[in-house]
Amino acid sequence: MSPITVRQAVLSDLEALAPLFDAYRQFYGQPCDLVAARAFLAARFDHGESVVFIALQNGAAVGFTQLYPSFSSIGLTRSFVLNDLFVVQSARRQGVAANLLSAAIDYARTLGASGLELATAVDNHAAQALYQAEGWLRDEHYLVYRYALQP
């Protein structure tokens, strides 16, 4: 197993990140659209709207996670939404996802955040097992509702 390096991504990582982001979207049933994936990530970088961590193995990008800043009005604290986490098939079960989660937690901790939240598909049992093994707790107090503005 080759060593895994995780670091905060910068704009110059866009070309390595875009295919990973597009594959992540395809995993969740979206059509392949590398141009749109690249544009979406570029906009997040340009506007400072998210923080992305990239995982490298032998110099190749093998995974990423993306955090969106949020805040808790009740707790009067900063928090983060871990919105995206993806590892290429060939690098799964090698600790890449766990390292990405650690990097996200460390980043949030250094900024004094109260915590991180994430959501995953109800049938994504592999992800759920990973999150539980890494100390994430399923929310027992709140139900999440969505109001769709687009089909």
C-alpha atoms as a PDB file:
ATOM      1  CA  MET A   1       0.000   0.000   0.000  1.00  0.00           C
ATOM      2  CA  SER A   2       1.435   3.369  -1.043  1.00  0.00           C
ATOM      3  CA  PRO A   3       1.420   6.304   1.369  1.00  0.00           C
ATOM      4  CA  ILE A   4      -1.505   8.698   1.187  1.00  0.00           C
ATOM      5  CA  THR A   5      -1.003  12.445   1.375  1.00  0.00           C
ATOM      6  CA  VAL A   6      -3.933  14.724   2.167  1.00  0.00           C
ATOM      7  CA  ARG A   7      -3.702  18.492   1.875  1.00  0.00           C
ATOM      8  CA  GLN A   8      -5.948  21.456   1.313  1.00  0.00           C
ATOM      9  CA  ALA A   9      -6.554  21.863  -2.401  1.00  0.00           C
ATOM     10  CA  VAL A  10      -5.797  25.075  -4.259  1.00  0.00           C
ATOM     11  CA  LEU A  11      -6.962  26.399  -7.603  1.00  0.00           C
ATOM     12  CA  SER A  12      -4.024  24.749  -9.386  1.00  0.00           C
ATOM     13  CA  ASP A  13      -5.510  21.366  -8.312  1.00  0.00           C
ATOM     14  CA  LEU A  14      -8.655  22.019 -10.332  1.00  0.00           C
ATOM     15  CA  GLU A  15      -7.707  19.757 -13.249  1.00  0.00           C
ATOM     16  CA  ALA A  16      -7.033  16.839 -10.879  1.00  0.00           C
ATOM     17  CA  LEU A  17     -10.175  17.490  -8.831  1.00  0.00           C
ATOM     18  CA  ALA A  18     -12.691  17.936 -11.654  1.00  0.00           C
ATOM     19  CA  PRO A  19     -12.703  14.255 -12.772  1.00  0.00           C
ATOM     20  CA  LEU A  20     -13.051  13.132  -9.147  1.00  0.00           C
ATOM     21  CA  PHE A  21     -15.926  15.555  -8.583  1.00  0.00           C
ATOM     22  CA  ASP A  22     -17.611  14.407 -11.793  1.00  0.00           C
ATOM     23  CA  ALA A  23     -17.229  10.734 -10.744  1.00  0.00           C
ATOM     24  CA  TYR A  24     -18.699  11.593  -7.328  1.00  0.00           C
ATOM     25  CA  ARG A  25     -21.736  13.142  -9.015  1.00  0.00           C
ATOM     26  CA  GLN A  26     -22.115  10.096 -11.248  1.00  0.00           C
ATOM     27  CA  PHE A  27     -22.000   7.859  -8.153  1.00  0.00           C
ATOM     28  CA  TYR A  28     -25.132   9.723  -7.021  1.00  0.00           C
ATOM     29  CA  GLY A  29     -26.907   9.242 -10.353  1.00  0.00           C
ATOM     30  CA  GLN A  30     -25.988  12.419 -12.220  1.00  0.00           C
ATOM     31  CA  PRO A  31     -24.869  12.319 -15.852  1.00  0.00           C
ATOM     32  CA  CYS A  32     -21.219  12.763 -16.719  1.00  0.00           C
ATOM     33  CA  ASP A  33     -20.473  16.475 -17.230  1.00  0.00           C
ATOM     34  CA  LEU A  34     -16.816  17.234 -16.706  1.00  0.00           C
ATOM     35  CA  VAL A  35     -17.165  20.798 -18.013  1.00  0.00           C
ATOM     36  CA  ALA A  36     -19.917  21.615 -15.505  1.00  0.00           C
ATOM     37  CA  ALA A  37     -18.038  19.865 -12.689  1.00  0.00           C
ATOM     38  CA  ARG A  38     -14.912  21.927 -13.408  1.00  0.00           C
ATOM     39  CA  ALA A  39     -16.939  25.155 -13.613  1.00  0.00           C
ATOM     40  CA  PHE A  40     -18.731  24.420 -10.339  1.00  0.00           C
ATOM     41  CA  LEU A  41     -15.477  23.776  -8.475  1.00  0.00           C
ATOM     42  CA  ALA A  42     -13.804  26.806 -10.066  1.00  0.00           C
ATOM     43  CA  ALA A  43     -16.651  29.010  -8.850  1.00  0.00           C
ATOM     44  CA  ARG A  44     -16.281  27.668  -5.295  1.00  0.00           C
ATOM     45  CA  PHE A  45     -12.549  28.469  -5.403  1.00  0.00           C
ATOM     46  CA  ASP A  46     -13.084  31.889  -7.009  1.00  0.00           C
ATOM     47  CA  HIS A  47     -15.619  32.943  -4.397  1.00  0.00           C
ATOM     48  CA  GLY A  48     -14.007  31.245  -1.381  1.00  0.00           C
ATOM     49  CA  GLU A  49     -17.240  29.358  -0.786  1.00  0.00           C
ATOM     50  CA  SER A  50     -15.800  25.991   0.169  1.00  0.00           C
ATOM     51  CA  VAL A  51     -12.698  24.241   1.417  1.00  0.00           C
ATOM     52  CA  VAL A  52     -11.525  21.191  -0.496  1.00  0.00           C
ATOM     53  CA  PHE A  53      -9.038  18.577   0.639  1.00  0.00           C
ATOM     54  CA  ILE A  54      -7.377  16.345  -1.931  1.00  0.00           C
ATOM     55  CA  ALA A  55      -5.878  12.908  -1.330  1.00  0.00           C
ATOM     56  CA  LEU A  56      -2.830  11.895  -3.348  1.00  0.00           C
ATOM     57  CA  GLN A  57      -1.280   8.471  -3.735  1.00  0.00           C
ATOM     58  CA  ASN A  58       1.902   8.123  -5.796  1.00  0.00           C
ATOM     59  CA  GLY A  59       1.297  11.681  -7.009  1.00  0.00           C
ATOM     60  CA  ALA A  60      -2.163  10.864  -8.391  1.00  0.00           C
ATOM     61  CA  ALA A  61      -5.384  12.358  -7.053  1.00  0.00           C
ATOM     62  CA  VAL A  62      -7.422   9.513  -5.578  1.00  0.00           C
ATOM     63  CA  GLY A  63     -10.014  11.284  -3.444  1.00  0.00           C
ATOM     64  CA  PHE A  64     -11.396  14.539  -2.131  1.00  0.00           C
ATOM     65  CA  THR A  65     -13.753  16.027   0.394  1.00  0.00           C
ATOM     66  CA  GLN A  66     -15.460  19.403   0.242  1.00  0.00           C
ATOM     67  CA  LEU A  67     -16.573  21.454   3.224  1.00  0.00           C
ATOM     68  CA  TYR A  68     -19.058  24.297   3.185  1.00  0.00           C
ATOM     69  CA  PRO A  69     -19.005  26.813   6.019  1.00  0.00           C
ATOM     70  CA  SER A  70     -22.088  27.075   8.170  1.00  0.00           C
ATOM     71  CA  PHE A  71     -23.063  28.465  11.558  1.00  0.00           C
ATOM     72  CA  SER A  72     -25.112  27.388  14.539  1.00  0.00           C
ATOM     73  CA  SER A  73     -27.493  30.108  15.670  1.00  0.00           C
ATOM     74  CA  ILE A  74     -28.361  28.111  18.775  1.00  0.00           C
ATOM     75  CA  GLY A  75     -24.736  27.492  19.738  1.00  0.00           C
ATOM     76  CA  LEU A  76     -23.448  30.806  18.374  1.00  0.00           C
ATOM     77  CA  THR A  77     -20.618  28.913  16.701  1.00  0.00           C
ATOM     78  CA  ARG A  78     -19.092  28.150  13.332  1.00  0.00           C
ATOM     79  CA  SER A  79     -19.688  24.706  11.874  1.00  0.00           C
ATOM     80  CA  PHE A  80     -19.066  22.963   8.576  1.00  0.00           C
ATOM     81  CA  VAL A  81     -21.101  20.798   6.247  1.00  0.00           C
ATOM     82  CA  LEU A  82     -19.008  17.985   4.861  1.00  0.00           C
ATOM     83  CA  ASN A  83     -20.956  17.910   1.631  1.00  0.00           C
ATOM     84  CA  ASP A  84     -18.832  15.675  -0.580  1.00  0.00           C
ATOM     85  CA  LEU A  85     -16.478  12.759   0.011  1.00  0.00           C
ATOM     86  CA  PHE A  86     -15.232  10.538  -2.780  1.00  0.00           C
ATOM     87  CA  VAL A  87     -12.445   8.006  -3.299  1.00  0.00           C
ATOM     88  CA  VAL A  88     -11.716   6.315  -6.626  1.00  0.00           C
ATOM     89  CA  GLN A  89     -12.548   2.617  -6.703  1.00  0.00           C
ATOM     90  CA  SER A  90      -8.900   1.500  -6.960  1.00  0.00           C
ATOM     91  CA  ALA A  91      -7.962   3.377  -3.756  1.00  0.00           C
ATOM     92  CA  ARG A  92     -10.880   2.328  -1.561  1.00  0.00           C
ATOM     93  CA  ARG A  93     -10.317   0.409   1.660  1.00  0.00           C
ATOM     94  CA  GLN A  94      -6.808   1.833   1.985  1.00  0.00           C
ATOM     95  CA  GLY A  95      -7.528   4.586   4.509  1.00  0.00           C
ATOM     96  CA  VAL A  96      -8.013   7.394   2.000  1.00  0.00           C
ATOM     97  CA  ALA A  97     -11.508   8.327   3.186  1.00  0.00           C
ATOM     98  CA  ALA A  98     -10.473   8.142   6.852  1.00  0.00           C
ATOM     99  CA  ASN A  99      -7.542  10.466   6.128  1.00  0.00           C
ATOM    100  CA  LEU A 100      -9.819  12.909   4.327  1.00  0.00           C
ATOM    101  CA  LEU A 101     -12.236  12.878   7.274  1.00  0.00           C
ATOM    102  CA  SER A 102      -9.341  13.518   9.664  1.00  0.00           C
ATOM    103  CA  ALA A 103      -8.138  16.462   7.593  1.00  0.00           C
ATOM    104  CA  ALA A 104     -11.641  17.956   7.607  1.00  0.00           C
ATOM    105  CA  ILE A 105     -11.974  17.523  11.376  1.00  0.00           C
ATOM    106  CA  ASP A 106      -8.528  19.000  12.029  1.00  0.00           C
ATOM    107  CA  TYR A 107      -9.324  21.988   9.824  1.00  0.00           C
ATOM    108  CA  ALA A 108     -12.644  22.648  11.575  1.00  0.00           C
ATOM    109  CA  ARG A 109     -11.004  22.260  14.973  1.00  0.00           C
ATOM    110  CA  THR A 110      -8.281  24.810  14.143  1.00  0.00           C
ATOM    111  CA  LEU A 111     -10.981  27.348  13.260  1.00  0.00           C
ATOM    112  CA  GLY A 112     -12.828  26.743  16.520  1.00  0.00           C
ATOM    113  CA  ALA A 113     -15.848  25.152  14.875  1.00  0.00           C
ATOM    114  CA  SER A 114     -18.348  23.353  17.068  1.00  0.00           C
ATOM    115  CA  GLY A 115     -18.605  20.419  14.683  1.00  0.00           C
ATOM    116  CA  LEU A 116     -19.234  19.067  11.237  1.00  0.00           C
ATOM    117  CA  GLU A 117     -22.325  17.553   9.683  1.00  0.00           C
ATOM    118  CA  LEU A 118     -22.756  15.250   6.729  1.00  0.00           C
ATOM    119  CA  ALA A 119     -25.461  13.318   4.963  1.00  0.00           C
ATOM    120  CA  THR A 120     -25.263  10.185   2.882  1.00  0.00           C
ATOM    121  CA  ALA A 121     -27.697   8.044   0.949  1.00  0.00           C
ATOM    122  CA  VAL A 122     -29.733   5.685   3.094  1.00  0.00           C
ATOM    123  CA  ASP A 123     -28.484   2.753   1.013  1.00  0.00           C
ATOM    124  CA  ASN A 124     -24.789   3.740   1.168  1.00  0.00           C
ATOM    125  CA  HIS A 125     -23.975   1.253   3.909  1.00  0.00           C
ATOM    126  CA  ALA A 126     -20.216   1.330   3.264  1.00  0.00           C
ATOM    127  CA  ALA A 127     -20.105   5.079   3.921  1.00  0.00           C
ATOM    128  CA  GLN A 128     -22.301   4.741   6.995  1.00  0.00           C
ATOM    129  CA  ALA A 129     -20.008   2.063   8.428  1.00  0.00           C
ATOM    130  CA  LEU A 130     -16.969   4.274   7.809  1.00  0.00           C
ATOM    131  CA  TYR A 131     -18.541   7.309   9.478  1.00  0.00           C
ATOM    132  CA  GLN A 132     -19.550   5.291  12.524  1.00  0.00           C
ATOM    133  CA  ALA A 133     -16.101   3.690  12.753  1.00  0.00           C
ATOM    134  CA  GLU A 134     -14.536   7.172  12.626  1.00  0.00           C
ATOM    135  CA  GLY A 135     -16.680   8.443  15.523  1.00  0.00           C
ATOM    136  CA  TRP A 136     -19.456  10.242  13.647  1.00  0.00           C
ATOM    137  CA  LEU A 137     -22.850   9.945  15.333  1.00  0.00           C
ATOM    138  CA  ARG A 138     -26.185   9.643  13.595  1.00  0.00           C
ATOM    139  CA  ASP A 139     -28.487  12.491  14.623  1.00  0.00           C
ATOM    140  CA  GLU A 140     -31.158  11.239  16.984  1.00  0.00           C
ATOM    141  CA  HIS A 141     -32.720  14.651  17.693  1.00  0.00           C
ATOM    142  CA  TYR A 142     -33.503  16.280  14.365  1.00  0.00           C
ATOM    143  CA  LEU A 143     -35.229  15.265  11.171  1.00  0.00           C
ATOM    144  CA  VAL A 144     -34.063  16.906   7.972  1.00  0.00           C
ATOM    145  CA  TYR A 145     -36.570  18.369   5.540  1.00  0.00           C
ATOM    146  CA  ARG A 146     -35.982  19.783   2.088  1.00  0.00           C
ATOM    147  CA  TYR A 147     -37.995  22.092  -0.085  1.00  0.00           C
ATOM    148  CA  ALA A 148     -37.145  21.610  -3.748  1.00  0.00           C
ATOM    149  CA  LEU A 149     -37.126  24.694  -5.938  1.00  0.00           C
ATOM    150  CA  GLN A 150     -35.972  22.787  -9.024  1.00  0.00           C
ATOM    151  CA  PRO A 151     -37.106  19.397 -10.329  1.00  0.00           C
END
